[in-house]
Amino acid sequence: MHDMKIAFVHAENEFTTELFHQLKGRLHDHEMVSWVEHKTAPADDFEAVVVMGRFTREQMAGQAKLRLIHTVSAGYDAIDLDAASARDILVSYSPSGLTGNAISVAEFAVMLILAASRRLKQVLLPLGKNGIAVHGISGALYGKKACIIGLGTIGRLLADRLKPFGVNIVATDDHPKSISGDLTVFHTDQLKEAVADADYVVLCVRAGSDNKNLINTDTLNAMKKGAILVNIARGTLVDESALFDAVKSGHIAAAGLDVMQKEPVDQGNILLSLSQVLITPHVAGATDITLKGMADYAEKVVIGFAAGQNPEELVNNPKMTHLSN
């Protein structure tokens, strides 16, 4: 094992600040440096970077010694994999089921479903303006149907948490025949059929170039009138203009979105003007258990790499397998 110089690349917020402090304490045998994203690199000789957010081709180009990029999230769509592979840099991710992130996000999805169903944003808005509280008929979860798009770790945990509310579950998956249990599972290609009579459509699928704007005008039109859309996956999955039109027309009753096409959310985003749309700033996974789990897993990856071991969860295939080989 050799000592390494490591950067933690992150946005500035309470969660990432605490995560940096935990990583620095755990990896005290190595030099751990904070690198705030969108700022100039604090050094040009990092051998590894731990990332929460984006890491670009340009950032890699300035790091000649870099051999490992580890993202503390389960999603790695914000890492330029082609650039990393071309530079013989390994890229690994943190499975959400091993960090507590999946549990946290599934819980948050339930909150967004409840908030959208009970018109929480509309009810609270007048209170801050000394207005009269909104009264009306909101939707209970009991007896409703939810379609979970992507039955991975988060999707399965969400299904488990919705069942006690009396919600009927259908889902989509790339391999529906491999799913055990009493769920009705459609193939990914049967999206329109899957969402057709769902009261809630919840996006839990991994984002990629093949499913950009998965929720578009055609998909929204295939959903029943009065359905609610919830997205706790990635903002690239939703055509925001199409969603605006669908909510404005009344076809889609409401939406709960923790992720957006552009983050932080542009204050000019048209969806912010709709009282039926509740937007949160990508905080579904920001809990105490996720913080500890991410630190635990990143520590394992970095210590293993320093000892000459490749990470278990690699997502690219560079020509070089490891610096020490």
Protein backbone atom coordinates (compact mmCIF):
# COMPACT_ATOMS: atom_id res chain seq x y z
CA MET A 1 0.00 0.00 0.00
CA HIS A 2 1.25 3.49 -0.83
CA ASP A 3 0.12 6.92 0.32
CA MET A 4 -1.95 8.79 -2.25
CA LYS A 5 -3.03 12.34 -2.90
CA ILE A 6 -6.82 12.34 -3.18
CA ALA A 7 -9.34 15.04 -4.05
CA PHE A 8 -12.96 15.11 -2.94
CA VAL A 9 -14.83 16.88 -5.75
CA HIS A 10 -18.12 18.36 -4.58
CA ALA A 11 -20.58 21.20 -4.47
CA GLU A 12 -20.64 23.39 -1.37
CA ASN A 13 -23.37 22.35 1.06
CA GLU A 14 -23.76 20.94 4.56
CA PHE A 15 -23.91 17.32 3.42
CA THR A 16 -20.74 17.42 1.30
CA THR A 17 -18.86 19.40 3.93
CA GLU A 18 -19.57 16.76 6.54
CA LEU A 19 -18.77 13.96 4.08
CA PHE A 20 -15.38 15.55 3.37
CA HIS A 21 -14.58 15.75 7.07
CA GLN A 22 -15.51 12.09 7.52
CA LEU A 23 -13.43 10.99 4.54
CA LYS A 24 -10.45 13.07 5.67
CA GLY A 25 -10.61 11.48 9.11
CA ARG A 26 -10.97 7.93 7.81
CA LEU A 27 -8.25 8.26 5.16
CA HIS A 28 -5.71 10.01 7.42
CA ASP A 29 -2.85 7.95 5.95
CA HIS A 30 -3.44 9.74 2.65
CA GLU A 31 -3.52 13.43 1.72
CA MET A 32 -7.19 14.39 1.27
CA VAL A 33 -7.97 17.73 -0.41
CA SER A 34 -11.29 19.49 -1.02
CA TRP A 35 -11.98 20.46 -4.65
CA VAL A 36 -15.15 22.49 -5.03
CA GLU A 37 -16.70 21.79 -8.43
CA HIS A 38 -16.57 24.59 -11.00
CA LYS A 39 -13.44 25.96 -9.30
CA THR A 40 -9.83 25.60 -10.40
CA ALA A 41 -8.19 22.37 -9.28
CA PRO A 42 -6.27 22.89 -6.01
CA ALA A 43 -3.45 20.70 -7.39
CA ASP A 44 -2.51 18.81 -10.54
CA ASP A 45 -1.10 15.61 -9.06
CA PHE A 46 -4.10 13.72 -7.66
CA GLU A 47 -3.92 9.94 -8.06
CA ALA A 48 -7.56 9.44 -7.11
CA VAL A 49 -10.69 11.57 -6.86
CA VAL A 50 -13.82 10.84 -4.87
CA VAL A 51 -16.72 12.63 -6.53
CA MET A 52 -20.18 13.77 -5.50
CA GLY A 53 -21.52 15.36 -8.64
CA ARG A 54 -19.85 15.96 -12.00
CA PHE A 55 -16.34 15.21 -13.16
CA THR A 56 -15.56 16.34 -16.68
CA ARG A 57 -13.11 15.66 -19.48
CA GLU A 58 -11.51 19.05 -18.83
CA GLN A 59 -10.96 18.26 -15.15
CA MET A 60 -9.33 14.93 -16.07
CA ALA A 61 -7.06 16.59 -18.62
CA GLY A 62 -5.30 18.55 -15.91
CA GLN A 63 -4.52 15.49 -13.78
CA ALA A 64 -1.73 13.45 -15.38
CA LYS A 65 -1.37 11.09 -12.40
CA LEU A 66 -5.07 10.35 -12.00
CA ARG A 67 -5.89 6.63 -12.03
CA LEU A 68 -9.18 6.33 -10.12
CA ILE A 69 -12.48 8.21 -10.12
CA HIS A 70 -14.91 6.96 -7.49
CA THR A 71 -18.38 8.47 -7.27
CA VAL A 72 -20.13 8.19 -3.91
CA SER A 73 -23.50 7.99 -5.65
CA ALA A 74 -25.08 5.04 -7.42
CA GLY A 75 -25.48 7.10 -10.58
CA TYR A 76 -22.41 7.73 -12.72
CA ASP A 77 -23.99 9.60 -15.64
CA ALA A 78 -22.21 12.79 -14.52
CA ILE A 79 -18.79 11.20 -15.10
CA ASP A 80 -17.31 11.34 -18.61
CA LEU A 81 -16.64 7.61 -19.00
CA ASP A 82 -15.22 7.89 -22.52
CA ALA A 83 -12.66 10.46 -21.40
CA ALA A 84 -11.74 8.38 -18.37
CA SER A 85 -11.26 5.22 -20.39
CA ALA A 86 -9.16 7.06 -22.98
CA ARG A 87 -6.86 8.20 -20.18
CA ASP A 88 -6.69 4.75 -18.56
CA ILE A 89 -8.60 5.94 -15.50
CA LEU A 90 -10.79 3.48 -13.61
CA VAL A 91 -14.31 4.64 -12.71
CA SER A 92 -16.32 3.04 -9.91
CA TYR A 93 -19.61 3.81 -8.21
CA SER A 94 -21.30 3.15 -4.86
CA PRO A 95 -24.27 0.72 -5.02
CA SER A 96 -27.22 2.43 -3.35
CA GLY A 97 -28.13 -0.75 -1.52
CA LEU A 98 -24.77 -0.73 0.28
CA THR A 99 -24.73 2.91 1.36
CA GLY A 100 -28.22 3.51 2.74
CA ASN A 101 -28.96 5.81 -0.19
CA ALA A 102 -31.61 3.47 -1.59
CA ILE A 103 -33.52 3.42 1.69
CA SER A 104 -33.33 7.19 1.99
CA VAL A 105 -34.47 7.80 -1.59
CA ALA A 106 -37.33 5.29 -1.33
CA GLU A 107 -38.56 7.04 1.81
CA PHE A 108 -38.37 10.40 0.05
CA ALA A 109 -40.32 9.05 -2.91
CA VAL A 110 -43.15 8.09 -0.55
CA MET A 111 -43.07 11.64 0.84
CA LEU A 112 -43.32 13.16 -2.65
CA ILE A 113 -46.20 10.85 -3.55
CA LEU A 114 -48.06 11.84 -0.37
CA ALA A 115 -47.26 15.53 -0.81
CA ALA A 116 -48.46 15.56 -4.42
CA SER A 117 -51.58 13.54 -3.59
CA ARG A 118 -52.49 15.78 -0.67
CA ARG A 119 -51.73 18.98 -2.62
CA LEU A 120 -49.22 20.02 0.03
CA LYS A 121 -47.64 22.89 -1.90
CA GLN A 122 -51.05 24.36 -2.76
CA VAL A 123 -52.22 24.05 0.83
CA LEU A 124 -49.14 25.73 2.28
CA LEU A 125 -48.68 28.57 -0.22
CA PRO A 126 -51.48 30.82 1.12
CA LEU A 127 -50.22 30.47 4.70
CA GLY A 128 -47.04 32.36 3.88
CA LYS A 129 -49.05 35.15 2.29
CA ASN A 130 -51.60 35.57 5.09
CA GLY A 131 -54.16 34.06 2.79
CA ILE A 132 -56.96 31.60 3.29
CA ALA A 133 -55.90 27.96 3.33
CA VAL A 134 -56.88 25.95 0.28
CA HIS A 135 -59.67 23.49 0.92
CA GLY A 136 -60.57 20.76 -1.47
CA ILE A 137 -60.56 17.06 -2.10
CA SER A 138 -57.12 15.49 -2.11
CA GLY A 139 -56.20 11.93 -2.95
CA ALA A 140 -55.62 9.14 -0.47
CA LEU A 141 -53.15 6.41 -1.39
CA TYR A 142 -55.38 3.52 -0.36
CA GLY A 143 -56.67 1.55 -3.32
CA LYS A 144 -54.59 3.45 -5.87
CA LYS A 145 -52.11 2.02 -8.38
CA ALA A 146 -48.45 3.01 -8.68
CA CYS A 147 -46.24 2.22 -11.65
CA ILE A 148 -42.58 2.07 -10.67
CA ILE A 149 -40.32 2.67 -13.66
CA GLY A 150 -37.16 0.68 -12.95
CA LEU A 151 -37.33 -2.15 -10.44
CA GLY A 152 -33.79 -1.94 -9.14
CA THR A 153 -32.83 -1.59 -5.49
CA ILE A 154 -34.68 1.71 -4.97
CA GLY A 155 -37.70 0.56 -6.96
CA ARG A 156 -38.05 -2.62 -4.92
CA LEU A 157 -37.69 -0.75 -1.63
CA LEU A 158 -40.32 1.74 -2.76
CA ALA A 159 -42.72 -1.07 -3.63
CA ASP A 160 -42.23 -2.54 -0.15
CA ARG A 161 -43.03 0.82 1.43
CA LEU A 162 -46.12 1.54 -0.66
CA LYS A 163 -47.82 -1.82 -0.13
CA PRO A 164 -48.74 -1.11 3.54
CA PHE A 165 -50.62 1.99 2.33
CA GLY A 166 -52.84 -0.30 0.29
CA VAL A 167 -51.29 0.73 -3.02
CA ASN A 168 -51.33 -1.73 -5.90
CA ILE A 169 -47.97 -1.96 -7.66
CA VAL A 170 -46.97 -2.51 -11.27
CA ALA A 171 -43.48 -1.92 -12.60
CA THR A 172 -41.20 -1.96 -15.62
CA ASP A 173 -37.88 -3.77 -15.88
CA ASP A 174 -35.42 -4.88 -18.54
CA HIS A 175 -35.87 -8.49 -17.40
CA PRO A 176 -39.46 -8.81 -16.16
CA LYS A 177 -39.45 -12.63 -16.13
CA SER A 178 -36.66 -12.64 -13.56
CA ILE A 179 -38.73 -10.67 -11.02
CA SER A 180 -40.18 -12.88 -8.31
CA GLY A 181 -43.17 -12.08 -6.12
CA ASP A 182 -46.69 -10.92 -6.82
CA LEU A 183 -45.82 -7.81 -8.85
CA THR A 184 -47.10 -7.24 -12.37
CA VAL A 185 -43.95 -6.36 -14.28
CA PHE A 186 -43.88 -5.06 -17.85
CA HIS A 187 -40.86 -5.00 -20.11
CA THR A 188 -39.15 -1.63 -20.41
CA ASP A 189 -40.39 -1.41 -24.00
CA GLN A 190 -43.99 -1.61 -22.75
CA LEU A 191 -43.84 1.73 -20.94
CA LYS A 192 -47.06 3.16 -22.34
CA GLU A 193 -48.97 0.03 -21.46
CA ALA A 194 -47.50 0.00 -17.96
CA VAL A 195 -48.46 3.60 -17.13
CA ALA A 196 -51.88 3.54 -18.79
CA ASP A 197 -54.01 3.14 -15.66
CA ALA A 198 -51.55 4.12 -12.94
CA ASP A 199 -52.47 6.85 -10.48
CA TYR A 200 -48.77 7.42 -9.73
CA VAL A 201 -45.81 6.99 -12.04
CA VAL A 202 -42.50 6.97 -10.18
CA LEU A 203 -39.14 7.13 -11.97
CA CYS A 204 -36.51 4.94 -10.32
CA VAL A 205 -34.56 3.92 -13.42
CA ARG A 206 -30.87 4.57 -14.04
CA ALA A 207 -30.43 7.41 -16.52
CA GLY A 208 -28.41 7.10 -19.71
CA SER A 209 -28.26 8.28 -23.30
CA ASP A 210 -30.84 5.66 -24.27
CA ASN A 211 -33.64 7.03 -22.06
CA LYS A 212 -33.22 10.79 -22.23
CA ASN A 213 -36.68 12.42 -22.14
CA LEU A 214 -38.24 9.04 -21.40
CA ILE A 215 -41.22 10.97 -20.07
CA ASN A 216 -42.25 13.04 -23.07
CA THR A 217 -45.48 14.20 -24.66
CA ASP A 218 -46.33 10.71 -25.93
CA THR A 219 -45.66 9.08 -22.57
CA LEU A 220 -47.62 11.71 -20.67
CA ASN A 221 -50.55 11.34 -23.06
CA ALA A 222 -50.48 7.59 -22.41
CA MET A 223 -50.97 8.22 -18.70
CA LYS A 224 -54.51 8.47 -17.34
CA LYS A 225 -56.04 11.88 -16.72
CA GLY A 226 -55.31 12.97 -13.17
CA ALA A 227 -52.17 10.87 -12.76
CA ILE A 228 -49.22 12.10 -10.68
CA LEU A 229 -45.57 11.93 -11.78
CA VAL A 230 -42.71 11.55 -9.30
CA ASN A 231 -39.02 11.62 -10.25
CA ILE A 232 -36.31 10.66 -7.76
CA ALA A 233 -33.89 9.32 -10.40
CA ARG A 234 -32.38 11.88 -12.81
CA GLY A 235 -33.69 15.06 -14.42
CA THR A 236 -32.69 13.95 -17.91
CA LEU A 237 -35.54 11.42 -17.86
CA VAL A 238 -38.24 14.11 -18.10
CA ASP A 239 -39.03 16.53 -20.91
CA GLU A 240 -39.83 19.50 -18.68
CA SER A 241 -41.66 21.49 -21.37
CA ALA A 242 -43.92 18.52 -22.09
CA LEU A 243 -44.59 18.06 -18.37
CA PHE A 244 -45.44 21.76 -17.99
CA ASP A 245 -48.00 21.50 -20.81
CA ALA A 246 -49.51 18.31 -19.38
CA VAL A 247 -49.93 19.81 -15.90
CA LYS A 248 -51.16 23.13 -17.26
CA SER A 249 -53.82 21.36 -19.31
CA GLY A 250 -54.96 19.33 -16.30
CA HIS A 251 -54.11 15.98 -17.86
CA ILE A 252 -51.41 15.41 -15.24
CA ALA A 253 -52.72 16.42 -11.81
CA ALA A 254 -49.41 17.02 -10.08
CA ALA A 255 -45.72 16.20 -9.97
CA GLY A 256 -43.07 15.74 -7.32
CA LEU A 257 -39.54 16.24 -8.62
CA ASP A 258 -36.31 15.89 -6.66
CA VAL A 259 -34.17 16.07 -9.80
CA MET A 260 -34.20 18.47 -12.74
CA GLN A 261 -32.59 18.82 -16.16
CA LYS A 262 -30.47 21.69 -14.84
CA GLU A 263 -29.24 21.72 -11.26
CA PRO A 264 -29.31 23.91 -9.27
CA VAL A 265 -32.74 24.72 -10.64
CA ASP A 266 -32.89 27.84 -12.78
CA GLN A 267 -35.29 30.30 -11.14
CA GLY A 268 -36.76 30.90 -14.58
CA ASN A 269 -37.79 27.26 -14.94
CA ILE A 270 -41.43 27.22 -16.03
CA LEU A 271 -42.30 24.33 -13.72
CA LEU A 272 -41.64 26.53 -10.67
CA SER A 273 -44.66 28.62 -11.62
CA LEU A 274 -47.07 25.71 -11.16
CA SER A 275 -48.57 25.20 -7.72
CA GLN A 276 -49.25 21.57 -8.62
CA VAL A 277 -45.51 20.86 -9.03
CA LEU A 278 -43.38 20.36 -5.93
CA ILE A 279 -39.64 20.63 -6.63
CA THR A 280 -36.92 19.74 -4.13
CA PRO A 281 -33.19 20.34 -4.76
CA HIS A 282 -31.88 16.78 -5.23
CA VAL A 283 -31.90 15.95 -1.53
CA ALA A 284 -33.66 12.59 -1.46
CA GLY A 285 -30.52 10.75 -0.42
CA ALA A 286 -29.12 13.35 1.96
CA THR A 287 -29.65 11.54 5.27
CA ASP A 288 -27.52 10.46 8.19
CA ILE A 289 -27.45 6.82 7.10
CA THR A 290 -26.42 7.75 3.56
CA LEU A 291 -23.64 9.99 4.86
CA LYS A 292 -22.15 7.16 6.90
CA GLY A 293 -22.70 4.58 4.16
CA MET A 294 -21.05 6.69 1.47
CA ALA A 295 -18.05 7.34 3.71
CA ASP A 296 -17.77 3.64 4.60
CA TYR A 297 -17.87 2.53 0.97
CA ALA A 298 -15.49 5.21 -0.33
CA GLU A 299 -13.02 4.32 2.43
CA LYS A 300 -13.14 0.67 1.36
CA VAL A 301 -12.58 1.54 -2.31
CA VAL A 302 -9.69 3.94 -1.71
CA ILE A 303 -7.87 1.69 0.76
CA GLY A 304 -8.25 -1.27 -1.58
CA PHE A 305 -7.00 0.73 -4.54
CA ALA A 306 -3.97 1.94 -2.59
CA ALA A 307 -3.22 -1.72 -1.83
CA GLY A 308 -3.32 -2.63 -5.52
CA GLN A 309 -6.92 -3.87 -5.76
CA ASN A 310 -9.34 -2.75 -8.44
CA PRO A 311 -12.76 -1.59 -7.19
CA GLU A 312 -15.54 -4.17 -7.40
CA GLU A 313 -18.06 -1.84 -9.04
CA LEU A 314 -16.19 -0.72 -12.16
CA VAL A 315 -18.23 0.92 -14.93
CA ASN A 316 -15.58 1.30 -17.63
CA ASN A 317 -12.86 -0.78 -19.21
CA PRO A 318 -9.65 1.19 -19.63
CA LYS A 319 -6.62 -0.45 -21.25
CA MET A 320 -4.69 -0.29 -17.98
CA THR A 321 -6.17 -2.19 -15.05
CA HIS A 322 -4.19 -0.55 -12.28
CA LEU A 323 -1.34 1.86 -11.67
CA SER A 324 0.72 -0.78 -9.93
CA ASN A 325 0.38 -3.40 -12.68
